[in-house]
C-alpha cells in the first residue's frame, strides 16, 4: 500500500510542468516518507500498530504537494515581463510616432511570447535560465531610435 501510494505520487510528479530538478526534489521527499513509513511498519509489534503506521505513511506520501506551476519557470517569466516593461517604457519615452511605437511594442510582445514558450518547453533549470537569458537579450536588443 505504501509503494502504491508512492507510485501514484511519483506519477503525478512526472506529469507536472516542473523542471527535472524540481521533480527530483519532490521524488526524494516521497522516498523519504516511504522509508519512514516502512521503518514504522517494521518496528510495529501489533497488527493495530502496523495498520496505523501504514495509514500515517500513506497520508504523509499523499500530502507531498506537487505545485501546479514551476517556481523556476515563474521567476524566469517574471524576469521576461520586467525586461518587456522596461523596453516598453523606453519606447513610450521616445520621440517616435504612435504608429512607430505600436510597431516596436508588437515586436517586444512577440519576443515575450517566444521567450515564454521556450521557458515552458524547458525541462531543466539550466534550460529555463538559458531561455530567460535569450529572451531578455532579444528584448533588450530591440532598437528604439
C-alpha atoms as a PDB file:
ATOM      1  CA  UNK A   1       0.000   0.000   0.000  1.00  0.00           C
ATOM      2  CA  UNK A   2       2.889   2.342   0.778  1.00  0.00           C
ATOM      3  CA  UNK A   3       4.568   1.542  -2.548  1.00  0.00           C
ATOM      4  CA  UNK A   4       1.275   2.057  -4.387  1.00  0.00           C
ATOM      5  CA  UNK A   5       0.805   5.493  -2.796  1.00  0.00           C
ATOM      6  CA  UNK A   6       4.399   6.389  -3.697  1.00  0.00           C
ATOM      7  CA  UNK A   7       3.930   5.196  -7.284  1.00  0.00           C
ATOM      8  CA  UNK A   8       0.778   7.313  -7.650  1.00  0.00           C
ATOM      9  CA  UNK A   9       2.518  10.395  -6.214  1.00  0.00           C
ATOM     10  CA  UNK A  10       5.593   9.865  -8.448  1.00  0.00           C
ATOM     11  CA  UNK A  11       3.295   9.626 -11.494  1.00  0.00           C
ATOM     12  CA  UNK A  12       1.680  12.947 -10.526  1.00  0.00           C
ATOM     13  CA  UNK A  13       5.142  14.485 -10.164  1.00  0.00           C
ATOM     14  CA  UNK A  14       6.191  13.155 -13.596  1.00  0.00           C
ATOM     15  CA  UNK A  15       3.009  14.537 -15.191  1.00  0.00           C
ATOM     16  CA  UNK A  16       3.614  18.029 -13.798  1.00  0.00           C
ATOM     17  CA  UNK A  17       5.134  21.001 -15.629  1.00  0.00           C
ATOM     18  CA  UNK A  18       8.064  21.182 -13.196  1.00  0.00           C
ATOM     19  CA  UNK A  19      11.731  21.135 -14.132  1.00  0.00           C
ATOM     20  CA  UNK A  20      13.728  17.910 -13.784  1.00  0.00           C
ATOM     21  CA  UNK A  21      15.423  19.287 -10.671  1.00  0.00           C
ATOM     22  CA  UNK A  22      12.115  20.249  -9.046  1.00  0.00           C
ATOM     23  CA  UNK A  23      10.709  16.785  -9.839  1.00  0.00           C
ATOM     24  CA  UNK A  24      13.807  15.090  -8.378  1.00  0.00           C
ATOM     25  CA  UNK A  25      13.465  17.080  -5.135  1.00  0.00           C
ATOM     26  CA  UNK A  26       9.812  16.073  -4.765  1.00  0.00           C
ATOM     27  CA  UNK A  27      10.599  12.421  -5.507  1.00  0.00           C
ATOM     28  CA  UNK A  28      13.302  12.497  -2.801  1.00  0.00           C
ATOM     29  CA  UNK A  29      10.661  13.798  -0.414  1.00  0.00           C
ATOM     30  CA  UNK A  30       8.329  10.918  -1.363  1.00  0.00           C
ATOM     31  CA  UNK A  31      11.151   8.377  -0.984  1.00  0.00           C
ATOM     32  CA  UNK A  32      11.895   9.767   2.480  1.00  0.00           C
ATOM     33  CA  UNK A  33       8.258   9.347   3.505  1.00  0.00           C
ATOM     34  CA  UNK A  34       8.298   5.768   2.145  1.00  0.00           C
ATOM     35  CA  UNK A  35      11.395   4.972   4.228  1.00  0.00           C
ATOM     36  CA  UNK A  36       9.854   6.495   7.346  1.00  0.00           C
ATOM     37  CA  UNK A  37       6.612   4.571   6.841  1.00  0.00           C
ATOM     38  CA  UNK A  38       8.344   1.242   6.196  1.00  0.00           C
ATOM     39  CA  UNK A  39      10.561   1.704   9.263  1.00  0.00           C
ATOM     40  CA  UNK A  40       7.463   2.382  11.376  1.00  0.00           C
ATOM     41  CA  UNK A  41       5.740  -0.693   9.928  1.00  0.00           C
ATOM     42  CA  UNK A  42       8.822  -2.853  10.614  1.00  0.00           C
ATOM     43  CA  UNK A  43       9.025  -1.540  14.184  1.00  0.00           C
ATOM     44  CA  UNK A  44       5.353  -2.224  14.894  1.00  0.00           C
ATOM     45  CA  UNK A  45       4.676  -5.230  17.119  1.00  0.00           C
ATOM     46  CA  UNK A  46       0.881  -5.354  16.933  1.00  0.00           C
ATOM     47  CA  UNK A  47      -1.447  -5.532  13.949  1.00  0.00           C
ATOM     48  CA  UNK A  48      -3.128  -2.294  15.006  1.00  0.00           C
ATOM     49  CA  UNK A  49       0.256  -0.532  15.095  1.00  0.00           C
ATOM     50  CA  UNK A  50       1.100  -1.858  11.628  1.00  0.00           C
ATOM     51  CA  UNK A  51      -2.205  -0.507  10.305  1.00  0.00           C
ATOM     52  CA  UNK A  52      -1.625   2.875  11.979  1.00  0.00           C
ATOM     53  CA  UNK A  53       1.917   3.094  10.579  1.00  0.00           C
ATOM     54  CA  UNK A  54       0.602   2.217   7.114  1.00  0.00           C
ATOM     55  CA  UNK A  55      -2.190   4.804   7.295  1.00  0.00           C
ATOM     56  CA  UNK A  56       0.180   7.501   8.578  1.00  0.00           C
ATOM     57  CA  UNK A  57       2.677   6.642   5.836  1.00  0.00           C
ATOM     58  CA  UNK A  58       0.052   6.860   3.110  1.00  0.00           C
ATOM     59  CA  UNK A  59      -1.147  10.214   4.490  1.00  0.00           C
ATOM     60  CA  UNK A  60       2.423  11.564   4.568  1.00  0.00           C
ATOM     61  CA  UNK A  61       3.067  10.454   0.980  1.00  0.00           C
ATOM     62  CA  UNK A  62      -0.247  11.855  -0.240  1.00  0.00           C
ATOM     63  CA  UNK A  63       0.424  15.171   1.496  1.00  0.00           C
ATOM     64  CA  UNK A  64       3.592  15.800  -0.554  1.00  0.00           C
ATOM     65  CA  UNK A  65       2.483  18.853  -2.525  1.00  0.00           C
ATOM     66  CA  UNK A  66       3.044  18.862  -6.283  1.00  0.00           C
ATOM     67  CA  UNK A  67       2.764  22.522  -7.331  1.00  0.00           C
ATOM     68  CA  UNK A  68       0.716  23.483 -10.393  1.00  0.00           C
ATOM     69  CA  UNK A  69       3.488  25.715 -11.660  1.00  0.00           C
ATOM     70  CA  UNK A  70       7.256  25.664 -11.566  1.00  0.00           C
ATOM     71  CA  UNK A  71       8.831  28.259  -9.266  1.00  0.00           C
ATOM     72  CA  UNK A  72      11.872  28.327 -11.564  1.00  0.00           C
ATOM     73  CA  UNK A  73       9.762  28.929 -14.673  1.00  0.00           C
ATOM     74  CA  UNK A  74       7.575  31.532 -12.949  1.00  0.00           C
ATOM     75  CA  UNK A  75      10.662  33.505 -11.891  1.00  0.00           C
ATOM     76  CA  UNK A  76      12.025  33.386 -15.447  1.00  0.00           C
ATOM     77  CA  UNK A  77       8.704  34.600 -16.880  1.00  0.00           C
ATOM     78  CA  UNK A  78       8.629  37.453 -14.365  1.00  0.00           C
ATOM     79  CA  UNK A  79      12.119  38.489 -15.484  1.00  0.00           C
ATOM     80  CA  UNK A  80      10.920  38.487 -19.105  1.00  0.00           C
ATOM     81  CA  UNK A  81       7.908  40.630 -18.152  1.00  0.00           C
ATOM     82  CA  UNK A  82      10.231  43.047 -16.343  1.00  0.00           C
ATOM     83  CA  UNK A  83      12.517  43.358 -19.388  1.00  0.00           C
ATOM     84  CA  UNK A  84       9.471  43.991 -21.590  1.00  0.00           C
ATOM     85  CA  UNK A  85       8.146  46.630 -19.191  1.00  0.00           C
ATOM     86  CA  UNK A  86      11.491  48.437 -19.242  1.00  0.00           C
ATOM     87  CA  UNK A  87      11.658  48.304 -23.051  1.00  0.00           C
ATOM     88  CA  UNK A  88       8.034  49.483 -23.410  1.00  0.00           C
ATOM     89  CA  UNK A  89       8.814  52.425 -21.101  1.00  0.00           C
ATOM     90  CA  UNK A  90      11.796  53.338 -23.303  1.00  0.00           C
ATOM     91  CA  UNK A  91       9.552  53.140 -26.371  1.00  0.00           C
ATOM     92  CA  UNK A  92       6.942  55.384 -24.700  1.00  0.00           C
ATOM     93  CA  UNK A  93       9.638  57.906 -23.733  1.00  0.00           C
ATOM     94  CA  UNK A  94      10.937  58.138 -27.308  1.00  0.00           C
ATOM     95  CA  UNK A  95      10.008  60.775 -29.891  1.00  0.00           C
ATOM     96  CA  UNK A  96       8.543  58.200 -32.274  1.00  0.00           C
ATOM     97  CA  UNK A  97       5.087  58.447 -33.823  1.00  0.00           C
ATOM     98  CA  UNK A  98       2.250  56.463 -32.290  1.00  0.00           C
ATOM     99  CA  UNK A  99       2.433  54.005 -35.203  1.00  0.00           C
ATOM    100  CA  UNK A 100       6.187  53.500 -34.774  1.00  0.00           C
ATOM    101  CA  UNK A 101       5.752  52.961 -31.036  1.00  0.00           C
ATOM    102  CA  UNK A 102       2.961  50.476 -31.691  1.00  0.00           C
ATOM    103  CA  UNK A 103       5.115  48.524 -34.151  1.00  0.00           C
ATOM    104  CA  UNK A 104       8.023  48.340 -31.695  1.00  0.00           C
ATOM    105  CA  UNK A 105       5.735  47.275 -28.843  1.00  0.00           C
ATOM    106  CA  UNK A 106       4.352  44.480 -31.037  1.00  0.00           C
ATOM    107  CA  UNK A 107       7.939  43.342 -31.632  1.00  0.00           C
ATOM    108  CA  UNK A 108       8.527  43.333 -27.860  1.00  0.00           C
ATOM    109  CA  UNK A 109       5.311  41.348 -27.310  1.00  0.00           C
ATOM    110  CA  UNK A 110       6.436  38.818 -29.925  1.00  0.00           C
ATOM    111  CA  UNK A 111       9.773  38.339 -28.173  1.00  0.00           C
ATOM    112  CA  UNK A 112       7.951  37.919 -24.854  1.00  0.00           C
ATOM    113  CA  UNK A 113       5.777  35.179 -26.371  1.00  0.00           C
ATOM    114  CA  UNK A 114       8.794  33.432 -27.887  1.00  0.00           C
ATOM    115  CA  UNK A 115      10.711  33.575 -24.603  1.00  0.00           C
ATOM    116  CA  UNK A 116       7.795  32.310 -22.511  1.00  0.00           C
ATOM    117  CA  UNK A 117       7.176  29.437 -24.941  1.00  0.00           C
ATOM    118  CA  UNK A 118      10.858  28.462 -24.648  1.00  0.00           C
ATOM    119  CA  UNK A 119      10.624  28.664 -20.847  1.00  0.00           C
ATOM    120  CA  UNK A 120       7.512  26.443 -20.838  1.00  0.00           C
ATOM    121  CA  UNK A 121       9.218  23.924 -23.130  1.00  0.00           C
ATOM    122  CA  UNK A 122      12.355  23.757 -20.960  1.00  0.00           C
ATOM    123  CA  UNK A 123      12.715  20.632 -18.830  1.00  0.00           C
ATOM    124  CA  UNK A 124      15.822  21.511 -16.800  1.00  0.00           C
ATOM    125  CA  UNK A 125      16.671  24.519 -14.641  1.00  0.00           C
ATOM    126  CA  UNK A 126      19.628  25.366 -16.904  1.00  0.00           C
ATOM    127  CA  UNK A 127      17.364  25.324 -19.975  1.00  0.00           C
ATOM    128  CA  UNK A 128      14.920  27.658 -18.221  1.00  0.00           C
ATOM    129  CA  UNK A 129      17.791  30.027 -17.394  1.00  0.00           C
ATOM    130  CA  UNK A 130      19.043  29.915 -20.998  1.00  0.00           C
ATOM    131  CA  UNK A 131      15.545  30.655 -22.344  1.00  0.00           C
ATOM    132  CA  UNK A 132      15.246  33.548 -19.888  1.00  0.00           C
ATOM    133  CA  UNK A 133      18.644  34.991 -20.826  1.00  0.00           C
ATOM    134  CA  UNK A 134      17.962  34.610 -24.556  1.00  0.00           C
ATOM    135  CA  UNK A 135      14.567  36.274 -24.145  1.00  0.00           C
ATOM    136  CA  UNK A 136      15.972  39.171 -22.140  1.00  0.00           C
ATOM    137  CA  UNK A 137      18.723  39.692 -24.742  1.00  0.00           C
ATOM    138  CA  UNK A 138      16.197  39.631 -27.602  1.00  0.00           C
ATOM    139  CA  UNK A 139      14.010  42.206 -25.840  1.00  0.00           C
ATOM    140  CA  UNK A 140      16.954  44.395 -24.813  1.00  0.00           C
ATOM    141  CA  UNK A 141      18.360  44.282 -28.356  1.00  0.00           C
ATOM    142  CA  UNK A 142      15.211  45.818 -29.853  1.00  0.00           C
ATOM    143  CA  UNK A 143      16.483  49.187 -31.033  1.00  0.00           C
ATOM    144  CA  UNK A 144      14.477  52.252 -30.055  1.00  0.00           C
ATOM    145  CA  UNK A 145      15.632  55.049 -32.395  1.00  0.00           C
END
